[in-house]
Amino acid sequence: MSTIHHRNIATAMALALNGAMDRRVVNIADDVPVSMLELCALAGGPLEGSAEPLNDPWAGQCDTSLARSLGFKATVRTIYQAAQEDLL
């Protein structure tokens, strides 16, 4: 699933307020999506893995290519960076 750190939201809001996103619907997210298993592990909660195939492996992920083409660059690139820098 795609995630977004509040610092990246601030970056996107600054671009929007400067007009870069006018008349567009723009997806913003960190650079790397994570699985629910990874999110639970980072939060310290239990979640057992499964060998069952996913019905829709792309569910919860968004395309951020438009945002990047308009100048968006994530300052907190992954949830792992956020965890390392105590930003969670």
PDB file of N, CA and C in Angstrom:
ATOM      1  N   MET A   1       0.829  -1.161   0.000  1.00  0.00           N
ATOM      2  CA  MET A   1       0.000   0.000   0.000  1.00  0.00           C
ATOM      3  C   MET A   1       0.884   1.237   0.000  1.00  0.00           C
ATOM      4  N   SER A   2       0.390   2.268  -0.639  1.00  0.00           N
ATOM      5  CA  SER A   2       1.110   3.538  -0.662  1.00  0.00           C
ATOM      6  C   SER A   2       0.890   4.261   0.665  1.00  0.00           C
ATOM      7  N   THR A   3       1.932   4.904   1.141  1.00  0.00           N
ATOM      8  CA  THR A   3       1.844   5.694   2.373  1.00  0.00           C
ATOM      9  C   THR A   3       2.366   7.099   2.074  1.00  0.00           C
ATOM     10  N   ILE A   4       2.110   8.006   2.998  1.00  0.00           N
ATOM     11  CA  ILE A   4       2.605   9.379   2.838  1.00  0.00           C
ATOM     12  C   ILE A   4       2.946   9.940   4.210  1.00  0.00           C
ATOM     13  N   HIS A   5       4.100  10.537   4.327  1.00  0.00           N
ATOM     14  CA  HIS A   5       4.516  11.187   5.565  1.00  0.00           C
ATOM     15  C   HIS A   5       4.028  12.627   5.549  1.00  0.00           C
ATOM     16  N   HIS A   6       3.742  13.173   6.714  1.00  0.00           N
ATOM     17  CA  HIS A   6       3.208  14.543   6.765  1.00  0.00           C
ATOM     18  C   HIS A   6       4.179  15.571   6.187  1.00  0.00           C
ATOM     19  N   ARG A   7       5.462  15.310   6.231  1.00  0.00           N
ATOM     20  CA  ARG A   7       6.412  16.250   5.597  1.00  0.00           C
ATOM     21  C   ARG A   7       6.225  16.270   4.080  1.00  0.00           C
ATOM     22  N   ASN A   8       5.907  15.113   3.511  1.00  0.00           N
ATOM     23  CA  ASN A   8       5.663  15.053   2.073  1.00  0.00           C
ATOM     24  C   ASN A   8       4.344  15.730   1.714  1.00  0.00           C
ATOM     25  N   ILE A   9       3.377  15.655   2.596  1.00  0.00           N
ATOM     26  CA  ILE A   9       2.122  16.375   2.366  1.00  0.00           C
ATOM     27  C   ILE A   9       2.401  17.873   2.335  1.00  0.00           C
ATOM     28  N   ALA A  10       3.246  18.353   3.235  1.00  0.00           N
ATOM     29  CA  ALA A  10       3.603  19.778   3.249  1.00  0.00           C
ATOM     30  C   ALA A  10       4.295  20.172   1.943  1.00  0.00           C
ATOM     31  N   THR A  11       5.167  19.324   1.432  1.00  0.00           N
ATOM     32  CA  THR A  11       5.839  19.589   0.158  1.00  0.00           C
ATOM     33  C   THR A  11       4.823  19.694  -0.974  1.00  0.00           C
ATOM     34  N   ALA A  12       3.874  18.758  -1.014  1.00  0.00           N
ATOM     35  CA  ALA A  12       2.848  18.768  -2.049  1.00  0.00           C
ATOM     36  C   ALA A  12       1.943  19.992  -1.914  1.00  0.00           C
ATOM     37  N   MET A  13       1.612  20.375  -0.689  1.00  0.00           N
ATOM     38  CA  MET A  13       0.762  21.543  -0.482  1.00  0.00           C
ATOM     39  C   MET A  13       1.454  22.814  -0.974  1.00  0.00           C
ATOM     40  N   ALA A  14       2.753  22.926  -0.750  1.00  0.00           N
ATOM     41  CA  ALA A  14       3.494  24.097  -1.233  1.00  0.00           C
ATOM     42  C   ALA A  14       3.444  24.161  -2.763  1.00  0.00           C
ATOM     43  N   LEU A  15       3.611  23.017  -3.423  1.00  0.00           N
ATOM     44  CA  LEU A  15       3.505  22.977  -4.888  1.00  0.00           C
ATOM     45  C   LEU A  15       2.099  23.393  -5.339  1.00  0.00           C
ATOM     46  N   ALA A  16       1.101  22.882  -4.654  1.00  0.00           N
ATOM     47  CA  ALA A  16      -0.284  23.204  -5.015  1.00  0.00           C
ATOM     48  C   ALA A  16      -0.569  24.690  -4.821  1.00  0.00           C
ATOM     49  N   LEU A  17      -0.100  25.257  -3.723  1.00  0.00           N
ATOM     50  CA  LEU A  17      -0.337  26.679  -3.459  1.00  0.00           C
ATOM     51  C   LEU A  17       0.388  27.581  -4.452  1.00  0.00           C
ATOM     52  N   ASN A  18       1.465  27.071  -5.033  1.00  0.00           N
ATOM     53  CA  ASN A  18       2.193  27.828  -6.062  1.00  0.00           C
ATOM     54  C   ASN A  18       1.613  27.617  -7.459  1.00  0.00           C
ATOM     55  N   GLY A  19       0.536  26.831  -7.570  1.00  0.00           N
ATOM     56  CA  GLY A  19      -0.155  26.655  -8.840  1.00  0.00           C
ATOM     57  C   GLY A  19       0.289  25.481  -9.682  1.00  0.00           C
ATOM     58  N   ALA A  20       1.265  24.704  -9.216  1.00  0.00           N
ATOM     59  CA  ALA A  20       1.790  23.606 -10.037  1.00  0.00           C
ATOM     60  C   ALA A  20       0.751  22.520 -10.308  1.00  0.00           C
ATOM     61  N   MET A  21      -0.259  22.430  -9.449  1.00  0.00           N
ATOM     62  CA  MET A  21      -1.242  21.357  -9.587  1.00  0.00           C
ATOM     63  C   MET A  21      -2.614  21.864 -10.025  1.00  0.00           C
ATOM     64  N   ASP A  22      -2.688  23.117 -10.456  1.00  0.00           N
ATOM     65  CA  ASP A  22      -3.976  23.699 -10.842  1.00  0.00           C
ATOM     66  C   ASP A  22      -4.694  22.835 -11.875  1.00  0.00           C
ATOM     67  N   ARG A  23      -5.994  22.655 -11.644  1.00  0.00           N
ATOM     68  CA  ARG A  23      -6.893  21.925 -12.546  1.00  0.00           C
ATOM     69  C   ARG A  23      -6.509  20.459 -12.735  1.00  0.00           C
ATOM     70  N   ARG A  24      -5.809  19.893 -11.765  1.00  0.00           N
ATOM     71  CA  ARG A  24      -5.404  18.489 -11.856  1.00  0.00           C
ATOM     72  C   ARG A  24      -5.752  17.758 -10.567  1.00  0.00           C
ATOM     73  N   VAL A  25      -6.013  16.477 -10.680  1.00  0.00           N
ATOM     74  CA  VAL A  25      -6.106  15.590  -9.529  1.00  0.00           C
ATOM     75  C   VAL A  25      -4.765  14.879  -9.460  1.00  0.00           C
ATOM     76  N   VAL A  26      -4.046  15.055  -8.350  1.00  0.00           N
ATOM     77  CA  VAL A  26      -2.668  14.572  -8.263  1.00  0.00           C
ATOM     78  C   VAL A  26      -2.521  13.631  -7.074  1.00  0.00           C
ATOM     79  N   ASN A  27      -2.068  12.414  -7.328  1.00  0.00           N
ATOM     80  CA  ASN A  27      -1.770  11.462  -6.255  1.00  0.00           C
ATOM     81  C   ASN A  27      -0.390  11.763  -5.693  1.00  0.00           C
ATOM     82  N   ILE A  28      -0.284  11.778  -4.380  1.00  0.00           N
ATOM     83  CA  ILE A  28       1.028  11.916  -3.754  1.00  0.00           C
ATOM     84  C   ILE A  28       1.233  10.749  -2.799  1.00  0.00           C
ATOM     85  N   ALA A  29       2.457  10.280  -2.726  1.00  0.00           N
ATOM     86  CA  ALA A  29       2.801   9.168  -1.843  1.00  0.00           C
ATOM     87  C   ALA A  29       4.311   9.134  -1.700  1.00  0.00           C
ATOM     88  N   ASP A  30       4.760   8.396  -0.688  1.00  0.00           N
ATOM     89  CA  ASP A  30       6.191   8.155  -0.541  1.00  0.00           C
ATOM     90  C   ASP A  30       6.679   7.369  -1.755  1.00  0.00           C
ATOM     91  N   ASP A  31       7.978   7.191  -1.874  1.00  0.00           N
ATOM     92  CA  ASP A  31       8.560   6.564  -3.061  1.00  0.00           C
ATOM     93  C   ASP A  31       8.336   5.060  -3.160  1.00  0.00           C
ATOM     94  N   VAL A  32       8.145   4.380  -2.027  1.00  0.00           N
ATOM     95  CA  VAL A  32       8.057   2.918  -2.052  1.00  0.00           C
ATOM     96  C   VAL A  32       6.834   2.449  -1.258  1.00  0.00           C
ATOM     97  N   PRO A  33       5.919   1.692  -1.893  1.00  0.00           N
ATOM     98  CA  PRO A  33       4.798   1.144  -1.133  1.00  0.00           C
ATOM     99  C   PRO A  33       5.276   0.039  -0.194  1.00  0.00           C
ATOM    100  N   VAL A  34       4.474  -0.245   0.820  1.00  0.00           N
ATOM    101  CA  VAL A  34       4.809  -1.297   1.790  1.00  0.00           C
ATOM    102  C   VAL A  34       3.620  -2.236   1.952  1.00  0.00           C
ATOM    103  N   SER A  35       3.909  -3.420   2.414  1.00  0.00           N
ATOM    104  CA  SER A  35       2.841  -4.391   2.661  1.00  0.00           C
ATOM    105  C   SER A  35       2.269  -4.190   4.059  1.00  0.00           C
ATOM    106  N   MET A  36       1.082  -4.715   4.280  1.00  0.00           N
ATOM    107  CA  MET A  36       0.479  -4.656   5.617  1.00  0.00           C
ATOM    108  C   MET A  36       1.355  -5.396   6.618  1.00  0.00           C
ATOM    109  N   LEU A  37       1.992  -6.472   6.179  1.00  0.00           N
ATOM    110  CA  LEU A  37       2.890  -7.230   7.050  1.00  0.00           C
ATOM    111  C   LEU A  37       4.046  -6.337   7.518  1.00  0.00           C
ATOM    112  N   GLU A  38       4.613  -5.550   6.599  1.00  0.00           N
ATOM    113  CA  GLU A  38       5.700  -4.632   6.954  1.00  0.00           C
ATOM    114  C   GLU A  38       5.210  -3.539   7.904  1.00  0.00           C
ATOM    115  N   LEU A  39       4.033  -2.986   7.629  1.00  0.00           N
ATOM    116  CA  LEU A  39       3.487  -1.941   8.503  1.00  0.00           C
ATOM    117  C   LEU A  39       3.280  -2.455   9.918  1.00  0.00           C
ATOM    118  N   CYS A  40       2.718  -3.651  10.025  1.00  0.00           N
ATOM    119  CA  CYS A  40       2.497  -4.235  11.350  1.00  0.00           C
ATOM    120  C   CYS A  40       3.821  -4.499  12.059  1.00  0.00           C
ATOM    121  N   ALA A  41       4.806  -4.981  11.333  1.00  0.00           N
ATOM    122  CA  ALA A  41       6.116  -5.243  11.934  1.00  0.00           C
ATOM    123  C   ALA A  41       6.742  -3.944  12.451  1.00  0.00           C
ATOM    124  N   LEU A  42       6.632  -2.863  11.684  1.00  0.00           N
ATOM    125  CA  LEU A  42       7.180  -1.578  12.122  1.00  0.00           C
ATOM    126  C   LEU A  42       6.445  -1.036  13.339  1.00  0.00           C
ATOM    127  N   ALA A  43       5.154  -1.317  13.417  1.00  0.00           N
ATOM    128  CA  ALA A  43       4.349  -0.841  14.539  1.00  0.00           C
ATOM    129  C   ALA A  43       4.476  -1.764  15.748  1.00  0.00           C
ATOM    130  N   GLY A  44       5.104  -2.905  15.567  1.00  0.00           N
ATOM    131  CA  GLY A  44       5.300  -3.833  16.667  1.00  0.00           C
ATOM    132  C   GLY A  44       4.110  -4.742  16.926  1.00  0.00           C
ATOM    133  N   GLY A  45       3.166  -4.752  16.008  1.00  0.00           N
ATOM    134  CA  GLY A  45       1.980  -5.586  16.181  1.00  0.00           C
ATOM    135  C   GLY A  45       2.121  -6.925  15.491  1.00  0.00           C
ATOM    136  N   PRO A  46       1.394  -7.914  15.969  1.00  0.00           N
ATOM    137  CA  PRO A  46       1.464  -9.229  15.336  1.00  0.00           C
ATOM    138  C   PRO A  46       0.577  -9.306  14.099  1.00  0.00           C
ATOM    139  N   LEU A  47       1.093  -9.887  13.062  1.00  0.00           N
ATOM    140  CA  LEU A  47       0.319 -10.212  11.874  1.00  0.00           C
ATOM    141  C   LEU A  47       1.041 -11.382  11.221  1.00  0.00           C
ATOM    142  N   GLU A  48       0.362 -12.472  11.128  1.00  0.00           N
ATOM    143  CA  GLU A  48       0.970 -13.669  10.555  1.00  0.00           C
ATOM    144  C   GLU A  48       0.988 -13.572   9.041  1.00  0.00           C
ATOM    145  N   GLY A  49       2.054 -14.029   8.448  1.00  0.00           N
ATOM    146  CA  GLY A  49       2.152 -14.077   7.002  1.00  0.00           C
ATOM    147  C   GLY A  49       1.237 -15.160   6.432  1.00  0.00           C
ATOM    148  N   SER A  50       1.010 -15.113   5.149  1.00  0.00           N
ATOM    149  CA  SER A  50       0.146 -16.086   4.495  1.00  0.00           C
ATOM    150  C   SER A  50       0.700 -16.396   3.112  1.00  0.00           C
ATOM    151  N   ALA A  51       0.501 -17.630   2.689  1.00  0.00           N
ATOM    152  CA  ALA A  51       0.913 -18.036   1.349  1.00  0.00           C
ATOM    153  C   ALA A  51      -0.229 -17.865   0.345  1.00  0.00           C
ATOM    154  N   GLU A  52      -1.383 -17.408   0.807  1.00  0.00           N
ATOM    155  CA  GLU A  52      -2.530 -17.196  -0.073  1.00  0.00           C
ATOM    156  C   GLU A  52      -2.229 -16.075  -1.061  1.00  0.00           C
ATOM    157  N   PRO A  53      -2.561 -16.273  -2.330  1.00  0.00           N
ATOM    158  CA  PRO A  53      -2.347 -15.192  -3.301  1.00  0.00           C
ATOM    159  C   PRO A  53      -3.306 -14.034  -3.029  1.00  0.00           C
ATOM    160  N   LEU A  54      -2.863 -12.830  -3.335  1.00  0.00           N
ATOM    161  CA  LEU A  54      -3.709 -11.654  -3.167  1.00  0.00           C
ATOM    162  C   LEU A  54      -4.707 -11.562  -4.308  1.00  0.00           C
ATOM    163  N   ASN A  55      -5.932 -11.151  -3.992  1.00  0.00           N
ATOM    164  CA  ASN A  55      -6.938 -10.958  -5.036  1.00  0.00           C
ATOM    165  C   ASN A  55      -6.525  -9.845  -5.985  1.00  0.00           C
ATOM    166  N   ASP A  56      -6.016  -8.757  -5.428  1.00  0.00           N
ATOM    167  CA  ASP A  56      -5.578  -7.607  -6.230  1.00  0.00           C
ATOM    168  C   ASP A  56      -4.289  -7.069  -5.620  1.00  0.00           C
ATOM    169  N   PRO A  57      -3.134  -7.523  -6.106  1.00  0.00           N
ATOM    170  CA  PRO A  57      -1.863  -7.110  -5.490  1.00  0.00           C
ATOM    171  C   PRO A  57      -1.564  -5.621  -5.621  1.00  0.00           C
ATOM    172  N   TRP A  58      -2.277  -4.915  -6.490  1.00  0.00           N
ATOM    173  CA  TRP A  58      -2.031  -3.489  -6.684  1.00  0.00           C
ATOM    174  C   TRP A  58      -2.980  -2.621  -5.865  1.00  0.00           C
ATOM    175  N   ALA A  59      -3.917  -3.223  -5.156  1.00  0.00           N
ATOM    176  CA  ALA A  59      -4.865  -2.451  -4.340  1.00  0.00           C
ATOM    177  C   ALA A  59      -4.108  -1.628  -3.303  1.00  0.00           C
ATOM    178  N   GLY A  60      -4.500  -0.373  -3.154  1.00  0.00           N
ATOM    179  CA  GLY A  60      -3.868   0.487  -2.164  1.00  0.00           C
ATOM    180  C   GLY A  60      -2.609   1.190  -2.649  1.00  0.00           C
ATOM    181  N   GLN A  61      -2.215   0.971  -3.902  1.00  0.00           N
ATOM    182  CA  GLN A  61      -1.035   1.643  -4.442  1.00  0.00           C
ATOM    183  C   GLN A  61      -1.481   2.691  -5.448  1.00  0.00           C
ATOM    184  N   CYS A  62      -0.831   3.836  -5.409  1.00  0.00           N
ATOM    185  CA  CYS A  62      -1.213   4.885  -6.354  1.00  0.00           C
ATOM    186  C   CYS A  62      -0.027   5.270  -7.242  1.00  0.00           C
ATOM    187  N   ASP A  63      -0.363   5.780  -8.407  1.00  0.00           N
ATOM    188  CA  ASP A  63       0.618   6.221  -9.400  1.00  0.00           C
ATOM    189  C   ASP A  63       0.964   7.677  -9.098  1.00  0.00           C
ATOM    190  N   THR A  64       2.199   7.938  -8.770  1.00  0.00           N
ATOM    191  CA  THR A  64       2.633   9.296  -8.424  1.00  0.00           C
ATOM    192  C   THR A  64       3.448   9.959  -9.531  1.00  0.00           C
ATOM    193  N   SER A  65       3.419   9.405 -10.718  1.00  0.00           N
ATOM    194  CA  SER A  65       4.237   9.950 -11.797  1.00  0.00           C
ATOM    195  C   SER A  65       3.843  11.384 -12.166  1.00  0.00           C
ATOM    196  N   LEU A  66       2.551  11.717 -12.112  1.00  0.00           N
ATOM    197  CA  LEU A  66       2.143  13.098 -12.403  1.00  0.00           C
ATOM    198  C   LEU A  66       2.719  14.047 -11.361  1.00  0.00           C
ATOM    199  N   ALA A  67       2.622  13.694 -10.101  1.00  0.00           N
ATOM    200  CA  ALA A  67       3.177  14.550  -9.042  1.00  0.00           C
ATOM    201  C   ALA A  67       4.667  14.789  -9.264  1.00  0.00           C
ATOM    202  N   ARG A  68       5.399  13.730  -9.585  1.00  0.00           N
ATOM    203  CA  ARG A  68       6.844  13.876  -9.823  1.00  0.00           C
ATOM    204  C   ARG A  68       7.107  14.761 -11.038  1.00  0.00           C
ATOM    205  N   SER A  69       6.292  14.631 -12.084  1.00  0.00           N
ATOM    206  CA  SER A  69       6.500  15.464 -13.272  1.00  0.00           C
ATOM    207  C   SER A  69       6.197  16.937 -13.001  1.00  0.00           C
ATOM    208  N   LEU A  70       5.406  17.201 -11.953  1.00  0.00           N
ATOM    209  CA  LEU A  70       5.078  18.584 -11.584  1.00  0.00           C
ATOM    210  C   LEU A  70       6.061  19.155 -10.557  1.00  0.00           C
ATOM    211  N   GLY A  71       7.056  18.369 -10.174  1.00  0.00           N
ATOM    212  CA  GLY A  71       8.090  18.855  -9.268  1.00  0.00           C
ATOM    213  C   GLY A  71       8.054  18.280  -7.868  1.00  0.00           C
ATOM    214  N   PHE A  72       7.109  17.375  -7.574  1.00  0.00           N
ATOM    215  CA  PHE A  72       7.060  16.773  -6.235  1.00  0.00           C
ATOM    216  C   PHE A  72       8.223  15.827  -6.043  1.00  0.00           C
ATOM    217  N   LYS A  73       8.894  15.957  -4.912  1.00  0.00           N
ATOM    218  CA  LYS A  73       9.966  15.037  -4.530  1.00  0.00           C
ATOM    219  C   LYS A  73       9.796  14.754  -3.045  1.00  0.00           C
ATOM    220  N   ALA A  74       9.616  13.499  -2.714  1.00  0.00           N
ATOM    221  CA  ALA A  74       9.425  13.109  -1.314  1.00  0.00           C
ATOM    222  C   ALA A  74      10.681  13.426  -0.506  1.00  0.00           C
ATOM    223  N   THR A  75      10.503  14.098   0.613  1.00  0.00           N
ATOM    224  CA  THR A  75      11.641  14.364   1.495  1.00  0.00           C
ATOM    225  C   THR A  75      11.838  13.214   2.479  1.00  0.00           C
ATOM    226  N   VAL A  76      10.759  12.518   2.801  1.00  0.00           N
ATOM    227  CA  VAL A  76      10.831  11.267   3.560  1.00  0.00           C
ATOM    228  C   VAL A  76      10.421  10.200   2.551  1.00  0.00           C
ATOM    229  N   ARG A  77      11.416   9.510   2.006  1.00  0.00           N
ATOM    230  CA  ARG A  77      11.180   8.662   0.835  1.00  0.00           C
ATOM    231  C   ARG A  77      10.476   7.352   1.138  1.00  0.00           C
ATOM    232  N   THR A  78      10.687   6.784   2.323  1.00  0.00           N
ATOM    233  CA  THR A  78      10.063   5.503   2.659  1.00  0.00           C
ATOM    234  C   THR A  78       9.659   5.491   4.129  1.00  0.00           C
ATOM    235  N   ILE A  79       8.802   4.562   4.464  1.00  0.00           N
ATOM    236  CA  ILE A  79       8.429   4.399   5.865  1.00  0.00           C
ATOM    237  C   ILE A  79       9.629   3.911   6.684  1.00  0.00           C
ATOM    238  N   TYR A  80      10.546   3.210   6.023  1.00  0.00           N
ATOM    239  CA  TYR A  80      11.756   2.756   6.724  1.00  0.00           C
ATOM    240  C   TYR A  80      12.666   3.939   7.074  1.00  0.00           C
ATOM    241  N   GLN A  81      12.764   4.921   6.192  1.00  0.00           N
ATOM    242  CA  GLN A  81      13.517   6.131   6.510  1.00  0.00           C
ATOM    243  C   GLN A  81      12.860   6.844   7.696  1.00  0.00           C
ATOM    244  N   ALA A  82      11.548   6.938   7.662  1.00  0.00           N
ATOM    245  CA  ALA A  82      10.819   7.579   8.771  1.00  0.00           C
ATOM    246  C   ALA A  82      11.102   6.859  10.080  1.00  0.00           C
ATOM    247  N   ALA A  83      11.118   5.541  10.054  1.00  0.00           N
ATOM    248  CA  ALA A  83      11.400   4.765  11.267  1.00  0.00           C
ATOM    249  C   ALA A  83      12.830   4.996  11.746  1.00  0.00           C
ATOM    250  N   GLN A  84      13.791   4.979  10.819  1.00  0.00           N
ATOM    251  CA  GLN A  84      15.206   5.185  11.187  1.00  0.00           C
ATOM    252  C   GLN A  84      15.434   6.569  11.803  1.00  0.00           C
ATOM    253  N   GLU A  85      14.716   7.547  11.310  1.00  0.00           N
ATOM    254  CA  GLU A  85      14.912   8.928  11.770  1.00  0.00           C
ATOM    255  C   GLU A  85      13.930   9.312  12.885  1.00  0.00           C
ATOM    256  N   ASP A  86      13.246   8.330  13.470  1.00  0.00           N
ATOM    257  CA  ASP A  86      12.273   8.558  14.545  1.00  0.00           C
ATOM    258  C   ASP A  86      11.193   9.561  14.142  1.00  0.00           C
ATOM    259  N   LEU A  87      10.663   9.396  12.941  1.00  0.00           N
ATOM    260  CA  LEU A  87       9.639  10.302  12.422  1.00  0.00           C
ATOM    261  C   LEU A  87       8.250   9.674  12.409  1.00  0.00           C
ATOM    262  N   LEU A  88       8.114   8.483  12.975  1.00  0.00           N
ATOM    263  CA  LEU A  88       6.801   7.830  12.981  1.00  0.00           C
ATOM    264  C   LEU A  88       5.969   8.302  14.158  1.00  0.00           C
TER     265      LEU A  88
END
